[in-house]
Amino acid sequence: QPLQNFTVCLRSYTDLTRPHSLFSYATKAQDN
């Protein structure tokens, strides 16, 4: 069912300084 609440957790390890995506959840109606 559609989400009224959520929590997303993760660990990352990177030396990037440019923009980057960690977690991406898209629907057909809304990419972000």
All heavy atoms as atom14 arrays in JSON, in Angstrom:
{
  "sequence": "QPLQNFTVCLRSYTDLTRPHSLFSYATKAQDN",
  "atom14_mask": [
    [1, 1, 1, 1, 1, 1, 1, 1, 1, 0, 0, 0, 0, 0],
    [1, 1, 1, 1, 1, 1, 1, 0, 0, 0, 0, 0, 0, 0],
    [1, 1, 1, 1, 1, 1, 1, 1, 0, 0, 0, 0, 0, 0],
    [1, 1, 1, 1, 1, 1, 1, 1, 1, 0, 0, 0, 0, 0],
    [1, 1, 1, 1, 1, 1, 1, 1, 0, 0, 0, 0, 0, 0],
    [1, 1, 1, 1, 1, 1, 1, 1, 1, 1, 1, 0, 0, 0],
    [1, 1, 1, 1, 1, 1, 1, 0, 0, 0, 0, 0, 0, 0],
    [1, 1, 1, 1, 1, 1, 1, 0, 0, 0, 0, 0, 0, 0],
    [1, 1, 1, 1, 1, 1, 0, 0, 0, 0, 0, 0, 0, 0],
    [1, 1, 1, 1, 1, 1, 1, 1, 0, 0, 0, 0, 0, 0],
    [1, 1, 1, 1, 1, 1, 1, 1, 1, 1, 1, 0, 0, 0],
    [1, 1, 1, 1, 1, 1, 0, 0, 0, 0, 0, 0, 0, 0],
    [1, 1, 1, 1, 1, 1, 1, 1, 1, 1, 1, 1, 0, 0],
    [1, 1, 1, 1, 1, 1, 1, 0, 0, 0, 0, 0, 0, 0],
    [1, 1, 1, 1, 1, 1, 1, 1, 0, 0, 0, 0, 0, 0],
    [1, 1, 1, 1, 1, 1, 1, 1, 0, 0, 0, 0, 0, 0],
    [1, 1, 1, 1, 1, 1, 1, 0, 0, 0, 0, 0, 0, 0],
    [1, 1, 1, 1, 1, 1, 1, 1, 1, 1, 1, 0, 0, 0],
    [1, 1, 1, 1, 1, 1, 1, 0, 0, 0, 0, 0, 0, 0],
    [1, 1, 1, 1, 1, 1, 1, 1, 1, 1, 0, 0, 0, 0],
    [1, 1, 1, 1, 1, 1, 0, 0, 0, 0, 0, 0, 0, 0],
    [1, 1, 1, 1, 1, 1, 1, 1, 0, 0, 0, 0, 0, 0],
    [1, 1, 1, 1, 1, 1, 1, 1, 1, 1, 1, 0, 0, 0],
    [1, 1, 1, 1, 1, 1, 0, 0, 0, 0, 0, 0, 0, 0],
    [1, 1, 1, 1, 1, 1, 1, 1, 1, 1, 1, 1, 0, 0],
    [1, 1, 1, 1, 1, 0, 0, 0, 0, 0, 0, 0, 0, 0],
    [1, 1, 1, 1, 1, 1, 1, 0, 0, 0, 0, 0, 0, 0],
    [1, 1, 1, 1, 1, 1, 1, 1, 1, 0, 0, 0, 0, 0],
    [1, 1, 1, 1, 1, 0, 0, 0, 0, 0, 0, 0, 0, 0],
    [1, 1, 1, 1, 1, 1, 1, 1, 1, 0, 0, 0, 0, 0],
    [1, 1, 1, 1, 1, 1, 1, 1, 0, 0, 0, 0, 0, 0],
    [1, 1, 1, 1, 1, 1, 1, 1, 0, 0, 0, 0, 0, 0]
  ],
  "atom14_positions": [
    [[0.84, -1.2, 0.0], [0.0, 0.0, 0.0], [0.87, 1.25, 0.0], [2.03, 1.18, 0.38], [-0.93, 0.0, 1.21], [-0.2, -0.07, 2.52], [-1.07, -0.74, 3.58], [-1.88, -1.59, 3.28], [-0.86, -0.38, 4.83], [0.0, 0.0, 0.0], [0.0, 0.0, 0.0], [0.0, 0.0, 0.0], [0.0, 0.0, 0.0], [0.0, 0.0, 0.0]],
    [[0.3, 2.37, -0.45], [1.06, 3.62, -0.46], [1.57, 3.97, 0.93], [0.99, 3.57, 1.94], [0.03, 4.65, -0.94], [-0.97, 3.85, -1.72], [-1.05, 2.53, -1.02], [0.0, 0.0, 0.0], [0.0, 0.0, 0.0], [0.0, 0.0, 0.0], [0.0, 0.0, 0.0], [0.0, 0.0, 0.0], [0.0, 0.0, 0.0], [0.0, 0.0, 0.0]],
    [[2.68, 4.7, 0.98], [3.35, 4.99, 2.25], [2.92, 6.34, 2.81], [3.04, 7.37, 2.15], [4.87, 5.01, 2.05], [5.53, 3.73, 1.52], [7.01, 3.96, 1.29], [5.32, 2.57, 2.47], [0.0, 0.0, 0.0], [0.0, 0.0, 0.0], [0.0, 0.0, 0.0], [0.0, 0.0, 0.0], [0.0, 0.0, 0.0], [0.0, 0.0, 0.0]],
    [[2.4, 6.32, 4.04], [2.1, 7.56, 4.78], [3.3, 7.95, 5.64], [3.38, 9.08, 6.13], [0.89, 7.36, 5.69], [-0.37, 6.93, 4.97], [-1.04, 8.06, 4.22], [-0.7, 9.22, 4.41], [-1.96, 7.72, 3.34], [0.0, 0.0, 0.0], [0.0, 0.0, 0.0], [0.0, 0.0, 0.0], [0.0, 0.0, 0.0], [0.0, 0.0, 0.0]],
    [[4.17, 6.97, 5.89], [5.37, 7.19, 6.71], [6.46, 6.3, 6.15], [6.17, 5.26, 5.56], [5.16, 6.73, 8.16], [3.92, 7.3, 8.78], [3.88, 8.44, 9.19], [2.87, 6.48, 8.83], [0.0, 0.0, 0.0], [0.0, 0.0, 0.0], [0.0, 0.0, 0.0], [0.0, 0.0, 0.0], [0.0, 0.0, 0.0], [0.0, 0.0, 0.0]],
    [[7.7, 6.69, 6.33], [8.8, 5.78, 5.99], [10.05, 6.18, 6.77], [10.18, 7.31, 7.25], [9.09, 5.76, 4.48], [9.68, 7.04, 3.94], [11.03, 7.33, 4.09], [8.88, 7.95, 3.26], [11.57, 8.52, 3.6], [9.41, 9.14, 2.77], [10.75, 9.42, 2.94], [0.0, 0.0, 0.0], [0.0, 0.0, 0.0], [0.0, 0.0, 0.0]],
    [[10.96, 5.22, 6.87], [12.34, 5.49, 7.31], [13.26, 4.74, 6.36], [13.01, 3.57, 6.07], [12.59, 4.97, 8.75], [11.62, 5.52, 9.64], [13.98, 5.37, 9.23], [0.0, 0.0, 0.0], [0.0, 0.0, 0.0], [0.0, 0.0, 0.0], [0.0, 0.0, 0.0], [0.0, 0.0, 0.0], [0.0, 0.0, 0.0], [0.0, 0.0, 0.0]],
    [[14.27, 5.43, 5.86], [15.3, 4.77, 5.06], [16.64, 4.98, 5.76], [16.93, 6.08, 6.23], [15.31, 5.29, 3.6], [15.57, 6.78, 3.51], [16.34, 4.54, 2.75], [0.0, 0.0, 0.0], [0.0, 0.0, 0.0], [0.0, 0.0, 0.0], [0.0, 0.0, 0.0], [0.0, 0.0, 0.0], [0.0, 0.0, 0.0], [0.0, 0.0, 0.0]],
    [[17.43, 3.89, 5.88], [18.76, 3.98, 6.5], [19.77, 3.29, 5.59], [19.45, 2.29, 4.95], [18.8, 3.27, 7.86], [17.76, 4.01, 9.13], [0.0, 0.0, 0.0], [0.0, 0.0, 0.0], [0.0, 0.0, 0.0], [0.0, 0.0, 0.0], [0.0, 0.0, 0.0], [0.0, 0.0, 0.0], [0.0, 0.0, 0.0], [0.0, 0.0, 0.0]],
    [[20.99, 3.82, 5.58], [22.08, 3.14, 4.87], [23.42, 3.69, 5.35], [23.48, 4.74, 5.98], [21.94, 3.3, 3.36], [21.86, 4.7, 2.75], [23.23, 5.36, 2.65], [21.26, 4.62, 1.35], [0.0, 0.0, 0.0], [0.0, 0.0, 0.0], [0.0, 0.0, 0.0], [0.0, 0.0, 0.0], [0.0, 0.0, 0.0], [0.0, 0.0, 0.0]],
    [[24.46, 2.94, 5.01], [25.84, 3.36, 5.28], [26.56, 3.55, 3.96], [26.43, 2.72, 3.07], [26.57, 2.24, 6.03], [26.81, 2.46, 7.47], [27.48, 1.26, 8.11], [26.59, 0.63, 9.05], [26.4, 1.07, 10.29], [27.06, 2.11, 10.74], [25.55, 0.46, 11.08], [0.0, 0.0, 0.0], [0.0, 0.0, 0.0], [0.0, 0.0, 0.0]],
    [[27.33, 4.64, 3.86], [28.1, 4.87, 2.63], [29.54, 5.22, 2.98], [29.82, 5.76, 4.06], [27.48, 5.97, 1.79], [27.61, 7.21, 2.44], [0.0, 0.0, 0.0], [0.0, 0.0, 0.0], [0.0, 0.0, 0.0], [0.0, 0.0, 0.0], [0.0, 0.0, 0.0], [0.0, 0.0, 0.0], [0.0, 0.0, 0.0], [0.0, 0.0, 0.0]],
    [[30.42, 4.91, 2.03], [31.85, 5.13, 2.22], [32.39, 5.55, 0.86], [32.41, 4.76, -0.08], [32.49, 3.82, 2.67], [33.92, 3.91, 3.15], [34.41, 5.02, 3.8], [34.78, 2.83, 2.96], [35.72, 5.07, 4.25], [36.09, 2.86, 3.4], [36.55, 3.98, 4.05], [37.85, 4.02, 4.5], [0.0, 0.0, 0.0], [0.0, 0.0, 0.0]],
    [[32.74, 6.82, 0.73], [33.14, 7.34, -0.58], [34.04, 8.54, -0.39], [34.01, 9.2, 0.65], [31.89, 7.75, -1.4], [32.32, 8.25, -2.67], [31.06, 8.83, -0.71], [0.0, 0.0, 0.0], [0.0, 0.0, 0.0], [0.0, 0.0, 0.0], [0.0, 0.0, 0.0], [0.0, 0.0, 0.0], [0.0, 0.0, 0.0], [0.0, 0.0, 0.0]],
    [[34.85, 8.81, -1.41], [35.64, 10.06, -1.4], [35.12, 11.04, -2.45], [35.78, 12.01, -2.8], [37.14, 9.78, -1.6], [37.42, 9.02, -2.89], [36.49, 8.84, -3.69], [38.58, 8.6, -3.08], [0.0, 0.0, 0.0], [0.0, 0.0, 0.0], [0.0, 0.0, 0.0], [0.0, 0.0, 0.0], [0.0, 0.0, 0.0], [0.0, 0.0, 0.0]],
    [[33.89, 10.81, -2.94], [33.29, 11.72, -3.93], [33.06, 13.1, -3.32], [32.63, 13.21, -2.17], [31.94, 11.19, -4.4], [31.92, 9.97, -5.32], [30.48, 9.58, -5.6], [32.67, 10.24, -6.61], [0.0, 0.0, 0.0], [0.0, 0.0, 0.0], [0.0, 0.0, 0.0], [0.0, 0.0, 0.0], [0.0, 0.0, 0.0], [0.0, 0.0, 0.0]],
    [[33.32, 14.14, -4.09], [32.95, 15.5, -3.67], [31.85, 16.07, -4.59], [31.25, 17.07, -4.26], [34.16, 16.45, -3.7], [34.76, 16.39, -5.01], [35.2, 16.05, -2.66], [0.0, 0.0, 0.0], [0.0, 0.0, 0.0], [0.0, 0.0, 0.0], [0.0, 0.0, 0.0], [0.0, 0.0, 0.0], [0.0, 0.0, 0.0], [0.0, 0.0, 0.0]],
    [[31.61, 15.4, -5.72], [30.54, 15.86, -6.63], [29.19, 15.3, -6.13], [29.15, 14.43, -5.26], [30.83, 15.4, -8.05], [30.87, 13.9, -8.22], [30.81, 13.49, -9.68], [30.99, 12.05, -9.83], [30.06, 11.14, -9.53], [28.89, 11.49, -9.03], [30.31, 9.85, -9.71], [0.0, 0.0, 0.0], [0.0, 0.0, 0.0], [0.0, 0.0, 0.0]],
    [[28.08, 15.83, -6.69], [26.76, 15.34, -6.28], [26.61, 13.84, -6.56], [27.1, 13.35, -7.58], [25.78, 16.13, -7.16], [26.53, 17.34, -7.61], [27.97, 16.92, -7.68], [0.0, 0.0, 0.0], [0.0, 0.0, 0.0], [0.0, 0.0, 0.0], [0.0, 0.0, 0.0], [0.0, 0.0, 0.0], [0.0, 0.0, 0.0], [0.0, 0.0, 0.0]],
    [[25.94, 13.13, -5.64], [25.67, 11.71, -5.9], [24.41, 11.26, -5.17], [24.06, 11.77, -4.13], [26.86, 10.81, -5.55], [27.36, 10.95, -4.15], [28.23, 11.94, -3.76], [27.12, 10.22, -3.03], [28.5, 11.82, -2.47], [27.84, 10.78, -2.0], [0.0, 0.0, 0.0], [0.0, 0.0, 0.0], [0.0, 0.0, 0.0], [0.0, 0.0, 0.0]],
    [[23.77, 10.26, -5.79], [22.53, 9.69, -5.27], [22.86, 8.48, -4.39], [23.7, 7.66, -4.74], [21.66, 9.24, -6.44], [20.55, 8.52, -5.96], [0.0, 0.0, 0.0], [0.0, 0.0, 0.0], [0.0, 0.0, 0.0], [0.0, 0.0, 0.0], [0.0, 0.0, 0.0], [0.0, 0.0, 0.0], [0.0, 0.0, 0.0], [0.0, 0.0, 0.0]],
    [[22.18, 8.36, -3.25], [22.37, 7.22, -2.36], [21.21, 6.23, -2.47], [21.42, 5.03, -2.51], [22.52, 7.71, -0.92], [23.82, 8.49, -0.69], [23.73, 9.31, 0.58], [25.02, 7.56, -0.64], [0.0, 0.0, 0.0], [0.0, 0.0, 0.0], [0.0, 0.0, 0.0], [0.0, 0.0, 0.0], [0.0, 0.0, 0.0], [0.0, 0.0, 0.0]],
    [[19.99, 6.76, -2.51], [18.81, 5.9, -2.54], [17.76, 6.6, -3.39], [17.43, 7.75, -3.14], [18.28, 5.69, -1.12], [17.01, 4.89, -1.04], [17.05, 3.51, -0.98], [15.76, 5.53, -1.0], [15.86, 2.76, -0.9], [14.58, 4.79, -0.92], [14.64, 3.4, -0.86], [0.0, 0.0, 0.0], [0.0, 0.0, 0.0], [0.0, 0.0, 0.0]],
    [[17.25, 5.9, -4.42], [16.3, 6.5, -5.35], [15.07, 5.61, -5.49], [15.19, 4.44, -5.88], [16.98, 6.7, -6.71], [16.05, 7.1, -7.69], [0.0, 0.0, 0.0], [0.0, 0.0, 0.0], [0.0, 0.0, 0.0], [0.0, 0.0, 0.0], [0.0, 0.0, 0.0], [0.0, 0.0, 0.0], [0.0, 0.0, 0.0], [0.0, 0.0, 0.0]],
    [[13.9, 6.17, -5.15], [12.62, 5.45, -5.19], [11.71, 6.27, -6.09], [11.34, 7.4, -5.74], [12.11, 5.37, -3.76], [10.72, 4.76, -3.53], [10.6, 3.62, -2.73], [9.55, 5.34, -4.01], [9.35, 3.08, -2.45], [8.31, 4.8, -3.74], [8.21, 3.67, -2.96], [6.97, 3.13, -2.67], [0.0, 0.0, 0.0], [0.0, 0.0, 0.0]],
    [[11.41, 5.72, -7.29], [10.62, 6.46, -8.27], [9.33, 5.72, -8.58], [9.28, 4.49, -8.56], [11.42, 6.63, -9.56], [0.0, 0.0, 0.0], [0.0, 0.0, 0.0], [0.0, 0.0, 0.0], [0.0, 0.0, 0.0], [0.0, 0.0, 0.0], [0.0, 0.0, 0.0], [0.0, 0.0, 0.0], [0.0, 0.0, 0.0], [0.0, 0.0, 0.0]],
    [[8.28, 6.5, -8.85], [7.05, 5.94, -9.4], [6.86, 6.53, -10.79], [7.57, 7.46, -11.18], [5.84, 6.28, -8.52], [5.74, 7.71, -8.42], [5.97, 5.69, -7.13], [0.0, 0.0, 0.0], [0.0, 0.0, 0.0], [0.0, 0.0, 0.0], [0.0, 0.0, 0.0], [0.0, 0.0, 0.0], [0.0, 0.0, 0.0], [0.0, 0.0, 0.0]],
    [[5.89, 5.99, -11.52], [5.66, 6.53, -12.88], [5.2, 7.99, -12.81], [5.48, 8.78, -13.7], [4.64, 5.66, -13.61], [5.21, 4.29, -13.94], [4.36, 3.52, -14.95], [5.09, 2.29, -15.46], [4.86, 1.08, -14.66], [0.0, 0.0, 0.0], [0.0, 0.0, 0.0], [0.0, 0.0, 0.0], [0.0, 0.0, 0.0], [0.0, 0.0, 0.0]],
    [[4.53, 8.35, -11.73], [4.03, 9.73, -11.59], [5.12, 10.69, -11.11], [5.06, 11.89, -11.39], [2.85, 9.76, -10.62], [0.0, 0.0, 0.0], [0.0, 0.0, 0.0], [0.0, 0.0, 0.0], [0.0, 0.0, 0.0], [0.0, 0.0, 0.0], [0.0, 0.0, 0.0], [0.0, 0.0, 0.0], [0.0, 0.0, 0.0], [0.0, 0.0, 0.0]],
    [[6.11, 10.18, -10.35], [7.07, 11.09, -9.69], [8.45, 10.41, -9.6], [8.59, 9.4, -8.91], [6.54, 11.44, -8.28], [7.45, 12.26, -7.42], [7.96, 13.52, -8.1], [9.1, 13.59, -8.54], [7.1, 14.51, -8.18], [0.0, 0.0, 0.0], [0.0, 0.0, 0.0], [0.0, 0.0, 0.0], [0.0, 0.0, 0.0], [0.0, 0.0, 0.0]],
    [[9.45, 10.98, -10.3], [10.77, 10.32, -10.32], [11.52, 10.47, -8.99], [12.31, 9.61, -8.62], [11.63, 10.79, -11.5], [11.83, 12.3, -11.53], [11.13, 13.01, -10.79], [12.67, 12.77, -12.3], [0.0, 0.0, 0.0], [0.0, 0.0, 0.0], [0.0, 0.0, 0.0], [0.0, 0.0, 0.0], [0.0, 0.0, 0.0], [0.0, 0.0, 0.0]],
    [[11.26, 11.57, -8.26], [11.88, 11.72, -6.94], [10.86, 11.52, -5.82], [10.67, 12.37, -4.96], [12.55, 13.1, -6.81], [13.73, 13.25, -7.76], [14.33, 12.26, -8.17], [14.04, 14.47, -8.12], [0.0, 0.0, 0.0], [0.0, 0.0, 0.0], [0.0, 0.0, 0.0], [0.0, 0.0, 0.0], [0.0, 0.0, 0.0], [0.0, 0.0, 0.0]]
  ]
}
